[in-house]
Amino acid sequence: MKTLTGTIRKNIQIDSEVTIIQKHHQRTGELTEGFVKKILTSSPTHPHGIKVMLDTGEVGRVVDVIIEEN
């Protein structure tokens, strides 16, 4: 499994598999894994991660974009 950084918007597409950190988990560092439904950050980069909504409705900043290796 390979990962890309979550701070660059062009690394993230709809249906990308990602790990995010939700605002209320920032202190604990608990990560949530899911698939991107909507990209909420409009700028090309963000130092804390691009904000997305997962298909479950959870919102957070992308830590890693998961890439399946063949």
C-alpha atoms as a PDB file:
ATOM      1  CA  MET A   1       0.000   0.000   0.000  1.00  0.00           C
ATOM      2  CA  LYS A   2       1.287   3.446  -0.973  1.00  0.00           C
ATOM      3  CA  THR A   3       0.119   6.820   0.359  1.00  0.00           C
ATOM      4  CA  LEU A   4       0.171  10.408  -0.860  1.00  0.00           C
ATOM      5  CA  THR A   5       0.143  13.518   1.324  1.00  0.00           C
ATOM      6  CA  GLY A   6      -3.234  15.011   2.182  1.00  0.00           C
ATOM      7  CA  THR A   7      -2.052  18.623   2.009  1.00  0.00           C
ATOM      8  CA  ILE A   8      -2.213  18.868  -1.814  1.00  0.00           C
ATOM      9  CA  ARG A   9      -5.688  19.085  -3.378  1.00  0.00           C
ATOM     10  CA  LYS A  10      -4.712  17.498  -6.717  1.00  0.00           C
ATOM     11  CA  ASN A  11      -3.802  14.257  -4.857  1.00  0.00           C
ATOM     12  CA  ILE A  12      -7.470  13.836  -3.862  1.00  0.00           C
ATOM     13  CA  GLN A  13     -10.394  12.884  -6.095  1.00  0.00           C
ATOM     14  CA  ILE A  14     -13.998  11.925  -5.414  1.00  0.00           C
ATOM     15  CA  ASP A  15     -14.081   8.249  -4.303  1.00  0.00           C
ATOM     16  CA  SER A  16     -10.387   8.346  -3.246  1.00  0.00           C
ATOM     17  CA  GLU A  17      -9.694   6.192  -0.191  1.00  0.00           C
ATOM     18  CA  VAL A  18      -8.279   8.435   2.550  1.00  0.00           C
ATOM     19  CA  THR A  19      -7.545   8.694   6.245  1.00  0.00           C
ATOM     20  CA  ILE A  20      -8.811  11.870   7.898  1.00  0.00           C
ATOM     21  CA  ILE A  21      -8.600  13.476  11.299  1.00  0.00           C
ATOM     22  CA  GLN A  22     -11.849  14.997  12.511  1.00  0.00           C
ATOM     23  CA  LYS A  23     -11.769  18.277  14.462  1.00  0.00           C
ATOM     24  CA  HIS A  24     -12.895  16.652  17.728  1.00  0.00           C
ATOM     25  CA  HIS A  25     -10.152  13.990  17.398  1.00  0.00           C
ATOM     26  CA  GLN A  26      -7.255  16.411  16.865  1.00  0.00           C
ATOM     27  CA  ARG A  27      -6.100  16.105  20.474  1.00  0.00           C
ATOM     28  CA  THR A  28      -6.154  12.298  20.489  1.00  0.00           C
ATOM     29  CA  GLY A  29      -4.930  11.840  16.915  1.00  0.00           C
ATOM     30  CA  GLU A  30      -7.654   9.271  16.180  1.00  0.00           C
ATOM     31  CA  LEU A  31      -7.891   8.692  12.426  1.00  0.00           C
ATOM     32  CA  THR A  32     -10.956   7.764  10.367  1.00  0.00           C
ATOM     33  CA  GLU A  33     -10.719   5.885   7.068  1.00  0.00           C
ATOM     34  CA  GLY A  34     -13.217   6.236   4.242  1.00  0.00           C
ATOM     35  CA  PHE A  35     -13.990   7.351   0.713  1.00  0.00           C
ATOM     36  CA  VAL A  36     -14.223  10.997  -0.385  1.00  0.00           C
ATOM     37  CA  LYS A  37     -17.729  12.176  -1.260  1.00  0.00           C
ATOM     38  CA  LYS A  38     -16.962  15.911  -1.497  1.00  0.00           C
ATOM     39  CA  ILE A  39     -13.829  18.092  -1.399  1.00  0.00           C
ATOM     40  CA  LEU A  40     -14.516  21.119   0.815  1.00  0.00           C
ATOM     41  CA  THR A  41     -11.204  23.038   0.574  1.00  0.00           C
ATOM     42  CA  SER A  42     -11.020  25.173  -2.571  1.00  0.00           C
ATOM     43  CA  SER A  43      -7.344  26.208  -2.341  1.00  0.00           C
ATOM     44  CA  PRO A  44      -4.705  24.006  -4.048  1.00  0.00           C
ATOM     45  CA  THR A  45      -2.890  23.278  -0.755  1.00  0.00           C
ATOM     46  CA  HIS A  46      -3.530  23.516   2.984  1.00  0.00           C
ATOM     47  CA  PRO A  47      -0.827  23.021   5.652  1.00  0.00           C
ATOM     48  CA  HIS A  48      -3.124  20.978   7.933  1.00  0.00           C
ATOM     49  CA  GLY A  49      -4.680  18.874   5.157  1.00  0.00           C
ATOM     50  CA  ILE A  50      -7.435  19.323   2.597  1.00  0.00           C
ATOM     51  CA  LYS A  51     -10.891  19.272   4.206  1.00  0.00           C
ATOM     52  CA  VAL A  52     -13.241  16.617   2.794  1.00  0.00           C
ATOM     53  CA  MET A  53     -16.563  14.944   3.500  1.00  0.00           C
ATOM     54  CA  LEU A  54     -16.556  11.155   3.470  1.00  0.00           C
ATOM     55  CA  ASP A  55     -19.371   9.030   2.041  1.00  0.00           C
ATOM     56  CA  THR A  56     -20.464   8.468   5.670  1.00  0.00           C
ATOM     57  CA  GLY A  57     -20.972  12.231   6.147  1.00  0.00           C
ATOM     58  CA  GLU A  58     -17.945  12.627   8.433  1.00  0.00           C
ATOM     59  CA  VAL A  59     -15.853  15.762   7.809  1.00  0.00           C
ATOM     60  CA  GLY A  60     -12.152  16.152   8.475  1.00  0.00           C
ATOM     61  CA  ARG A  61      -8.743  16.998   7.081  1.00  0.00           C
ATOM     62  CA  VAL A  62      -6.939  14.431   4.931  1.00  0.00           C
ATOM     63  CA  VAL A  63      -3.828  12.929   6.511  1.00  0.00           C
ATOM     64  CA  ASP A  64      -3.074  10.377   3.764  1.00  0.00           C
ATOM     65  CA  VAL A  65      -4.505   9.346   0.400  1.00  0.00           C
ATOM     66  CA  ILE A  66      -4.337   5.548   0.099  1.00  0.00           C
ATOM     67  CA  ILE A  67      -3.197   4.207  -3.270  1.00  0.00           C
ATOM     68  CA  GLU A  68      -3.669   0.522  -4.123  1.00  0.00           C
ATOM     69  CA  GLU A  69      -0.541  -1.002  -5.624  1.00  0.00           C
ATOM     70  CA  ASN A  70      -0.872  -3.670  -8.308  1.00  0.00           C
END
